[in-house]
Each structure stands twice: as structure tokens, then as C-alpha cells.
Amino acid sequence: TTSAHGGSGSLYYGSKTTGDYDTGAVSLGSAKSPAYTLTAGKKAALTFWLYMDTETADTLDVLSISAGGKVIWTKSSTTLPPSSYKRWVQVEADLSSLAGQNVNITFTFDSKDNWANASEGVFIDDVSVVYGC
């Protein structure tokens, strides 16, 4: 896409043509990383920059991240307060419980309904796995 936190592009959920994620129906999609081996015995976290222009309700326009078949982060008013929308924010999700495993990281977006989907959508950028304290 042309919107990015760093560099010239990012992972985008929405339509480049219309500039929104309104399909007239429930809008659902995911992006899955290649397999990644987490170092055994080390704390690890997934970090990324997120820009969301979606509904802010916890039960609508849900973004979740899973690794190793386990949900590790979900958009909610606690993890992403309404003041965090329409600007880039850094998100961190703990991966320590998956240390020593070979995992795929999956970002999933689900609008849950076909209403109010004419916003820009979701951008994810500068994704990394970090180790340490």
C-alpha cells in the first residue's frame, strides 16, 4: 500500500480500489507468515505497528493475532483504546509460552457484520519478533 509506518508499504486489509473494506457483506480475511522457530528458553514477543480505521466496539471489526494455533492478541478497548484509532500505534504480544516451537503468525480481520464498513481498514507494518527481558 502507499500508507506505511516505515518504508514504502505495509500489509493492508481493505480494497485499494475503493479505499475501504465495504463489500456489502461480512468482510473477513487473514494473512499468515511462513513458519518461524521461537528460541527455546527465551522470552519472546511479537511487535508491530498498527493503524486501524474501523469501528471501535470490541465485538465488531475484530483484529486478532494467533501463533501456534493460539490467539495471542485481540483488538479490544483494553488492548487498543478508541484514542488509538486513525494513527500509528505500536502493539506487542507475548510469545513466551510458545518458546521452542515452530509457529506461523496469523493476522485475522473480521468485520462481524455488513454495516459501517466504509472506513479505510487496517494497516500492519514493521512486524518483528524480539527476544529478551
Protein backbone atom coordinates (compact mmCIF):
# COMPACT_ATOMS: atom_id res chain seq x y z
CA THR A 1 0.00 0.00 0.00
CA THR A 2 1.00 3.64 -0.01
CA SER A 3 0.37 4.00 3.73
CA ALA A 4 3.21 2.80 5.93
CA HIS A 5 4.77 3.37 9.31
CA GLY A 6 8.24 2.70 7.95
CA GLY A 7 9.38 2.16 4.39
CA SER A 8 7.10 2.40 1.41
CA GLY A 9 4.37 -0.16 2.08
CA SER A 10 2.52 -2.22 4.65
CA LEU A 11 0.14 -5.16 4.98
CA TYR A 12 -3.32 -3.74 4.21
CA TYR A 13 -6.79 -5.14 4.81
CA GLY A 14 -9.15 -3.26 2.56
CA SER A 15 -9.62 -2.51 -1.11
CA LYS A 16 -7.01 -0.45 -2.90
CA THR A 17 -9.69 0.37 -5.48
CA THR A 18 -12.38 1.71 -3.11
CA GLY A 19 -10.17 2.69 -0.16
CA ASP A 20 -12.38 0.82 2.32
CA TYR A 21 -13.38 -2.73 3.32
CA ASP A 22 -17.07 -2.47 2.43
CA THR A 23 -18.02 -5.46 0.30
CA GLY A 24 -21.75 -5.28 1.05
CA ALA A 25 -21.36 -8.40 3.20
CA VAL A 26 -19.35 -9.52 6.22
CA SER A 27 -15.70 -8.78 5.44
CA LEU A 28 -13.18 -11.41 6.58
CA GLY A 29 -9.58 -12.16 5.71
CA SER A 30 -6.22 -13.22 7.07
CA ALA A 31 -2.51 -13.13 6.36
CA LYS A 32 -0.22 -15.93 7.54
CA SER A 33 3.54 -15.78 7.94
CA PRO A 34 5.93 -18.55 6.98
CA ALA A 35 6.90 -20.88 9.85
CA TYR A 36 9.14 -19.28 12.44
CA THR A 37 11.08 -21.11 15.17
CA LEU A 38 10.96 -19.43 18.57
CA THR A 39 14.12 -19.96 20.61
CA ALA A 40 13.63 -22.37 23.50
CA GLY A 41 14.11 -20.96 26.98
CA LYS A 42 13.86 -17.31 25.91
CA LYS A 43 11.13 -14.76 26.40
CA ALA A 44 9.81 -13.54 23.08
CA ALA A 45 7.28 -11.03 21.83
CA LEU A 46 5.72 -10.08 18.53
CA THR A 47 5.84 -6.35 17.87
CA PHE A 48 4.25 -4.42 15.04
CA TRP A 49 2.86 -1.02 14.16
CA LEU A 50 -0.89 -0.83 13.61
CA TYR A 51 -3.19 1.72 12.00
CA MET A 52 -6.91 0.99 12.29
CA ASP A 53 -9.70 2.99 10.73
CA THR A 54 -12.59 0.71 11.72
CA GLU A 55 -15.40 0.52 14.26
CA THR A 56 -14.04 0.65 17.81
CA ALA A 57 -16.55 -1.70 19.51
CA ASP A 58 -14.94 -4.83 20.97
CA THR A 59 -17.40 -7.15 19.20
CA LEU A 60 -17.17 -5.55 15.74
CA ASP A 61 -14.30 -5.18 13.29
CA VAL A 62 -12.20 -7.64 15.24
CA LEU A 63 -8.48 -7.96 14.59
CA SER A 64 -6.83 -10.96 16.21
CA ILE A 65 -3.37 -12.44 16.03
CA SER A 66 -2.61 -16.09 16.57
CA ALA A 67 0.61 -18.06 16.75
CA GLY A 68 0.94 -21.81 17.03
CA GLY A 69 -2.85 -22.11 16.83
CA LYS A 70 -3.28 -19.96 19.95
CA VAL A 71 -4.77 -16.43 19.96
CA ILE A 72 -2.08 -14.15 21.41
CA TRP A 73 -3.72 -10.74 20.91
CA THR A 74 -7.19 -9.40 20.08
CA LYS A 75 -8.32 -5.84 19.50
CA SER A 76 -10.37 -4.61 22.44
CA SER A 77 -10.93 -1.37 24.32
CA THR A 78 -8.15 -2.54 26.67
CA THR A 79 -5.56 -3.53 24.05
CA LEU A 80 -6.45 -0.71 21.64
CA PRO A 81 -8.35 2.18 23.26
CA PRO A 82 -10.55 4.32 20.96
CA SER A 83 -7.95 7.12 21.17
CA SER A 84 -5.54 4.79 19.31
CA TYR A 85 -7.57 4.70 16.11
CA LYS A 86 -6.62 6.53 12.91
CA ARG A 87 -2.97 6.84 13.95
CA TRP A 88 0.02 4.51 14.06
CA VAL A 89 0.46 2.72 17.42
CA GLN A 90 2.93 0.04 18.40
CA VAL A 91 1.48 -3.25 19.60
CA GLU A 92 3.26 -6.03 21.48
CA ALA A 93 2.02 -9.58 22.04
CA ASP A 94 3.77 -12.10 24.29
CA LEU A 95 5.08 -15.24 22.57
CA SER A 96 6.97 -16.67 25.56
CA SER A 97 4.53 -19.53 26.11
CA LEU A 98 5.41 -20.79 22.61
CA ALA A 99 9.21 -20.84 23.14
CA GLY A 100 10.88 -23.77 21.41
CA GLN A 101 8.01 -24.20 18.94
CA ASN A 102 7.85 -23.73 15.20
CA VAL A 103 4.89 -21.37 14.63
CA ASN A 104 3.10 -19.39 11.97
CA ILE A 105 1.81 -15.96 12.90
CA THR A 106 -1.64 -15.19 11.52
CA PHE A 107 -3.35 -11.79 11.43
CA THR A 108 -7.13 -12.13 11.02
CA PHE A 109 -9.70 -9.37 10.48
CA ASP A 110 -13.46 -9.99 10.74
CA SER A 111 -15.99 -7.16 10.40
CA LYS A 112 -18.65 -9.43 12.01
CA ASP A 113 -21.39 -7.60 10.09
CA ASN A 114 -22.03 -5.72 6.86
CA TRP A 115 -22.61 -2.32 8.48
CA ALA A 116 -20.28 0.68 8.79
CA ASN A 117 -17.51 -0.90 6.72
CA ALA A 118 -16.82 2.18 4.58
CA SER A 119 -13.75 3.15 6.63
CA GLU A 120 -10.19 2.79 5.37
CA GLY A 121 -9.42 -0.53 7.12
CA VAL A 122 -6.32 -1.99 8.77
CA PHE A 123 -2.61 -1.43 8.10
CA ILE A 124 0.13 -3.52 9.76
CA ASP A 125 3.80 -2.62 9.39
CA ASP A 126 7.28 -3.24 10.80
CA VAL A 127 6.46 -6.71 12.15
CA SER A 128 9.22 -8.38 14.19
CA VAL A 129 9.86 -10.99 16.85
CA VAL A 130 12.04 -9.73 19.70
CA TYR A 131 13.84 -11.63 22.46
CA GLY A 132 14.97 -10.54 25.88
CA CYS A 133 13.63 -9.13 29.11
